[in-house]
Amino acid sequence: VLVDGLFAGNISETCSTSKMGTPVIQLGWNLVPEHWGRGIMVRALNDLFRQRFAARQDIKFVACAFAKNHRSIRVIEKLGFSPTKLLFLGWLH
């Protein structure tokens, strides 16, 4: 993620396939604290979604955040994800 041509953060994608054959992309991201609260990550992720959906319409995205990571949860909410709650130990195994 670049802001005025300078590194401000990154988005990671882990790709897999669901049991039904649908492509699934698990998302992760980091943003330099100086850029927090400015909508940069929401815009960057929306750009990524447009690129991925232009290539393939049946993609599913998954985004996870720890319960105490309020900033990432807010990004997830702004993107319109449907919330589900996973127990960390269950997710880990």
N, C-alpha and C. Protein backbone atom coordinates (compact mmCIF):
# COMPACT_ATOMS: atom_id res chain seq x y z
N VAL A 1 0.86 -1.17 0.00
CA VAL A 1 0.00 0.00 0.00
C VAL A 1 0.91 1.23 0.00
N LEU A 2 0.71 2.07 -1.01
CA LEU A 2 1.51 3.28 -1.13
C LEU A 2 0.65 4.51 -0.86
N VAL A 3 1.23 5.48 -0.19
CA VAL A 3 0.59 6.78 0.04
C VAL A 3 1.58 7.82 -0.46
N ASP A 4 1.16 8.59 -1.45
CA ASP A 4 2.04 9.57 -2.09
C ASP A 4 3.35 8.93 -2.54
N GLY A 5 3.25 7.70 -3.04
CA GLY A 5 4.42 7.00 -3.56
C GLY A 5 5.32 6.36 -2.53
N LEU A 6 4.96 6.46 -1.26
CA LEU A 6 5.77 5.88 -0.19
C LEU A 6 5.05 4.72 0.48
N PHE A 7 5.83 3.72 0.93
CA PHE A 7 5.27 2.56 1.60
C PHE A 7 4.50 2.98 2.86
N ALA A 8 3.26 2.51 2.96
CA ALA A 8 2.43 2.80 4.14
C ALA A 8 1.90 1.52 4.78
N GLY A 9 1.97 0.41 4.07
CA GLY A 9 1.47 -0.85 4.63
C GLY A 9 1.43 -1.92 3.57
N ASN A 10 0.85 -3.06 3.94
CA ASN A 10 0.75 -4.16 2.99
C ASN A 10 -0.55 -4.94 3.18
N ILE A 11 -0.92 -5.66 2.13
CA ILE A 11 -2.06 -6.58 2.15
C ILE A 11 -1.52 -7.94 1.75
N SER A 12 -1.86 -8.96 2.53
CA SER A 12 -1.45 -10.31 2.17
C SER A 12 -2.68 -11.12 1.78
N GLU A 13 -2.49 -12.03 0.84
CA GLU A 13 -3.56 -12.90 0.38
C GLU A 13 -3.07 -14.35 0.46
N THR A 14 -3.87 -15.20 1.07
CA THR A 14 -3.62 -16.63 1.08
C THR A 14 -4.77 -17.28 0.34
N CYS A 15 -4.46 -17.94 -0.75
CA CYS A 15 -5.50 -18.50 -1.61
C CYS A 15 -5.68 -19.99 -1.36
N SER A 16 -6.93 -20.42 -1.38
CA SER A 16 -7.27 -21.84 -1.26
C SER A 16 -8.57 -22.07 -2.02
N THR A 17 -9.10 -23.27 -1.92
CA THR A 17 -10.35 -23.61 -2.58
C THR A 17 -11.29 -24.22 -1.57
N SER A 18 -12.55 -23.80 -1.58
CA SER A 18 -13.54 -24.35 -0.66
C SER A 18 -13.89 -25.77 -1.07
N LYS A 19 -14.63 -26.47 -0.22
CA LYS A 19 -15.08 -27.83 -0.53
C LYS A 19 -15.97 -27.87 -1.77
N MET A 20 -16.58 -26.73 -2.09
CA MET A 20 -17.45 -26.65 -3.27
C MET A 20 -16.70 -26.18 -4.51
N GLY A 21 -15.38 -26.00 -4.39
CA GLY A 21 -14.59 -25.59 -5.53
C GLY A 21 -14.48 -24.10 -5.74
N THR A 22 -15.03 -23.32 -4.83
CA THR A 22 -14.97 -21.86 -4.93
C THR A 22 -13.61 -21.35 -4.45
N PRO A 23 -12.99 -20.45 -5.20
CA PRO A 23 -11.74 -19.85 -4.71
C PRO A 23 -12.00 -19.02 -3.45
N VAL A 24 -11.13 -19.18 -2.46
CA VAL A 24 -11.24 -18.44 -1.21
C VAL A 24 -9.92 -17.71 -0.98
N ILE A 25 -10.00 -16.43 -0.70
CA ILE A 25 -8.81 -15.64 -0.41
C ILE A 25 -8.92 -15.13 1.02
N GLN A 26 -7.98 -15.55 1.86
CA GLN A 26 -7.92 -15.04 3.23
C GLN A 26 -7.02 -13.82 3.23
N LEU A 27 -7.52 -12.74 3.80
CA LEU A 27 -6.83 -11.45 3.78
C LEU A 27 -6.18 -11.13 5.11
N GLY A 28 -5.08 -10.46 5.04
CA GLY A 28 -4.42 -9.88 6.21
C GLY A 28 -3.85 -8.54 5.79
N TRP A 29 -3.64 -7.65 6.72
CA TRP A 29 -3.08 -6.34 6.37
C TRP A 29 -2.41 -5.70 7.55
N ASN A 30 -1.53 -4.78 7.22
CA ASN A 30 -0.83 -3.96 8.20
C ASN A 30 -0.72 -2.56 7.62
N LEU A 31 -0.79 -1.59 8.48
CA LEU A 31 -0.65 -0.21 8.06
C LEU A 31 0.22 0.53 9.07
N VAL A 32 1.13 1.34 8.58
CA VAL A 32 1.99 2.14 9.44
C VAL A 32 1.08 3.02 10.32
N PRO A 33 1.31 3.04 11.63
CA PRO A 33 0.42 3.79 12.54
C PRO A 33 0.16 5.24 12.16
N GLU A 34 1.11 5.90 11.53
CA GLU A 34 0.91 7.29 11.15
C GLU A 34 -0.24 7.46 10.16
N HIS A 35 -0.66 6.38 9.52
CA HIS A 35 -1.72 6.43 8.51
C HIS A 35 -3.06 5.88 9.01
N TRP A 36 -3.10 5.46 10.26
CA TRP A 36 -4.34 4.91 10.82
C TRP A 36 -5.46 5.95 10.81
N GLY A 37 -6.69 5.49 10.65
CA GLY A 37 -7.86 6.35 10.78
C GLY A 37 -8.13 7.25 9.59
N ARG A 38 -7.50 7.00 8.46
CA ARG A 38 -7.68 7.86 7.30
C ARG A 38 -8.38 7.16 6.14
N GLY A 39 -8.83 5.92 6.35
CA GLY A 39 -9.55 5.19 5.30
C GLY A 39 -8.66 4.60 4.22
N ILE A 40 -7.36 4.63 4.44
CA ILE A 40 -6.41 4.16 3.42
C ILE A 40 -6.58 2.67 3.16
N MET A 41 -6.69 1.87 4.22
CA MET A 41 -6.78 0.42 4.03
C MET A 41 -8.11 0.03 3.40
N VAL A 42 -9.19 0.69 3.76
CA VAL A 42 -10.49 0.39 3.13
C VAL A 42 -10.41 0.65 1.63
N ARG A 43 -9.81 1.77 1.23
CA ARG A 43 -9.66 2.07 -0.20
C ARG A 43 -8.76 1.05 -0.89
N ALA A 44 -7.65 0.69 -0.24
CA ALA A 44 -6.72 -0.28 -0.85
C ALA A 44 -7.38 -1.64 -1.02
N LEU A 45 -8.14 -2.08 -0.02
CA LEU A 45 -8.82 -3.37 -0.12
C LEU A 45 -9.93 -3.33 -1.16
N ASN A 46 -10.66 -2.24 -1.24
CA ASN A 46 -11.68 -2.12 -2.29
C ASN A 46 -11.06 -2.18 -3.68
N ASP A 47 -9.89 -1.57 -3.85
CA ASP A 47 -9.18 -1.67 -5.13
C ASP A 47 -8.81 -3.12 -5.42
N LEU A 48 -8.31 -3.82 -4.42
CA LEU A 48 -7.96 -5.23 -4.58
C LEU A 48 -9.19 -6.05 -4.96
N PHE A 49 -10.32 -5.81 -4.30
CA PHE A 49 -11.55 -6.54 -4.61
C PHE A 49 -11.96 -6.32 -6.06
N ARG A 50 -11.90 -5.08 -6.52
CA ARG A 50 -12.26 -4.78 -7.92
C ARG A 50 -11.37 -5.56 -8.88
N GLN A 51 -10.08 -5.61 -8.59
CA GLN A 51 -9.15 -6.35 -9.45
C GLN A 51 -9.47 -7.85 -9.45
N ARG A 52 -9.69 -8.41 -8.29
CA ARG A 52 -9.95 -9.85 -8.20
C ARG A 52 -11.29 -10.22 -8.83
N PHE A 53 -12.33 -9.41 -8.56
CA PHE A 53 -13.65 -9.70 -9.12
C PHE A 53 -13.68 -9.48 -10.63
N ALA A 54 -12.85 -8.59 -11.16
CA ALA A 54 -12.77 -8.40 -12.60
C ALA A 54 -12.26 -9.66 -13.28
N ALA A 55 -11.40 -10.40 -12.57
CA ALA A 55 -10.84 -11.63 -13.11
C ALA A 55 -11.76 -12.83 -12.90
N ARG A 56 -12.50 -12.82 -11.79
CA ARG A 56 -13.34 -13.98 -11.46
C ARG A 56 -14.42 -13.56 -10.47
N GLN A 57 -15.68 -13.86 -10.81
CA GLN A 57 -16.81 -13.40 -10.00
C GLN A 57 -17.12 -14.28 -8.80
N ASP A 58 -16.67 -15.54 -8.79
CA ASP A 58 -17.09 -16.46 -7.73
C ASP A 58 -16.12 -16.52 -6.55
N ILE A 59 -15.23 -15.58 -6.44
CA ILE A 59 -14.26 -15.55 -5.33
C ILE A 59 -14.96 -15.21 -4.02
N LYS A 60 -14.53 -15.87 -2.96
CA LYS A 60 -14.98 -15.54 -1.60
C LYS A 60 -13.77 -15.00 -0.84
N PHE A 61 -14.00 -13.97 -0.05
CA PHE A 61 -12.94 -13.38 0.76
C PHE A 61 -13.22 -13.66 2.23
N VAL A 62 -12.16 -13.89 3.00
CA VAL A 62 -12.25 -14.10 4.44
C VAL A 62 -11.27 -13.12 5.07
N ALA A 63 -11.73 -12.38 6.07
CA ALA A 63 -10.86 -11.47 6.82
C ALA A 63 -11.06 -11.75 8.30
N CYS A 64 -9.96 -11.84 9.03
CA CYS A 64 -10.02 -12.15 10.45
C CYS A 64 -9.28 -11.08 11.25
N ALA A 65 -9.75 -10.86 12.46
CA ALA A 65 -9.07 -9.94 13.36
C ALA A 65 -9.28 -10.43 14.78
N PHE A 66 -8.31 -10.19 15.63
CA PHE A 66 -8.47 -10.48 17.04
C PHE A 66 -9.52 -9.54 17.63
N ALA A 67 -10.26 -10.01 18.61
CA ALA A 67 -11.36 -9.24 19.19
C ALA A 67 -10.91 -7.87 19.72
N LYS A 68 -9.68 -7.76 20.16
CA LYS A 68 -9.20 -6.49 20.71
C LYS A 68 -8.60 -5.56 19.64
N ASN A 69 -8.54 -6.03 18.40
CA ASN A 69 -7.99 -5.21 17.32
C ASN A 69 -9.13 -4.40 16.69
N HIS A 70 -9.55 -3.36 17.39
CA HIS A 70 -10.71 -2.57 16.99
C HIS A 70 -10.53 -1.89 15.63
N ARG A 71 -9.33 -1.51 15.31
CA ARG A 71 -9.10 -0.84 14.01
C ARG A 71 -9.33 -1.80 12.85
N SER A 72 -8.82 -3.03 12.97
CA SER A 72 -9.05 -4.01 11.90
C SER A 72 -10.51 -4.42 11.83
N ILE A 73 -11.15 -4.54 12.97
CA ILE A 73 -12.58 -4.87 12.98
C ILE A 73 -13.36 -3.77 12.28
N ARG A 74 -12.99 -2.53 12.49
CA ARG A 74 -13.67 -1.41 11.83
C ARG A 74 -13.48 -1.47 10.32
N VAL A 75 -12.29 -1.82 9.86
CA VAL A 75 -12.05 -1.98 8.42
C VAL A 75 -12.96 -3.07 7.88
N ILE A 76 -13.02 -4.20 8.58
CA ILE A 76 -13.88 -5.32 8.16
C ILE A 76 -15.34 -4.87 8.06
N GLU A 77 -15.80 -4.12 9.06
CA GLU A 77 -17.18 -3.63 9.04
C GLU A 77 -17.42 -2.69 7.86
N LYS A 78 -16.50 -1.77 7.63
CA LYS A 78 -16.66 -0.81 6.54
C LYS A 78 -16.69 -1.50 5.18
N LEU A 79 -16.03 -2.63 5.07
CA LEU A 79 -16.01 -3.38 3.81
C LEU A 79 -17.27 -4.21 3.61
N GLY A 80 -18.11 -4.31 4.66
CA GLY A 80 -19.37 -5.02 4.52
C GLY A 80 -19.30 -6.53 4.68
N PHE A 81 -18.26 -7.03 5.31
CA PHE A 81 -18.18 -8.47 5.55
C PHE A 81 -19.29 -8.91 6.49
N SER A 82 -19.73 -10.15 6.34
CA SER A 82 -20.71 -10.74 7.25
C SER A 82 -19.97 -11.30 8.46
N PRO A 83 -20.31 -10.84 9.66
CA PRO A 83 -19.54 -11.27 10.83
C PRO A 83 -19.84 -12.71 11.26
N THR A 84 -18.80 -13.39 11.62
CA THR A 84 -18.89 -14.69 12.29
C THR A 84 -17.83 -14.68 13.38
N LYS A 85 -18.02 -15.51 14.36
CA LYS A 85 -17.07 -15.54 15.46
C LYS A 85 -16.45 -16.91 15.52
N LEU A 86 -15.13 -16.95 15.48
CA LEU A 86 -14.40 -18.20 15.60
C LEU A 86 -13.65 -18.21 16.92
N LEU A 87 -13.69 -19.33 17.60
CA LEU A 87 -12.86 -19.47 18.77
C LEU A 87 -11.44 -19.69 18.28
N PHE A 88 -10.50 -18.95 18.84
CA PHE A 88 -9.14 -18.96 18.35
C PHE A 88 -8.55 -20.37 18.35
N LEU A 89 -8.73 -21.12 19.42
CA LEU A 89 -8.16 -22.46 19.46
C LEU A 89 -8.77 -23.38 18.41
N GLY A 90 -10.05 -23.21 18.13
CA GLY A 90 -10.69 -23.98 17.08
C GLY A 90 -10.17 -23.61 15.71
N TRP A 91 -9.95 -22.33 15.50
CA TRP A 91 -9.40 -21.86 14.24
C TRP A 91 -7.96 -22.33 14.05
N LEU A 92 -7.22 -22.37 15.14
CA LEU A 92 -5.82 -22.75 15.10
C LEU A 92 -5.66 -24.21 14.70
N HIS A 93 -6.61 -25.03 15.09
CA HIS A 93 -6.53 -26.47 14.77
C HIS A 93 -7.42 -26.75 13.61
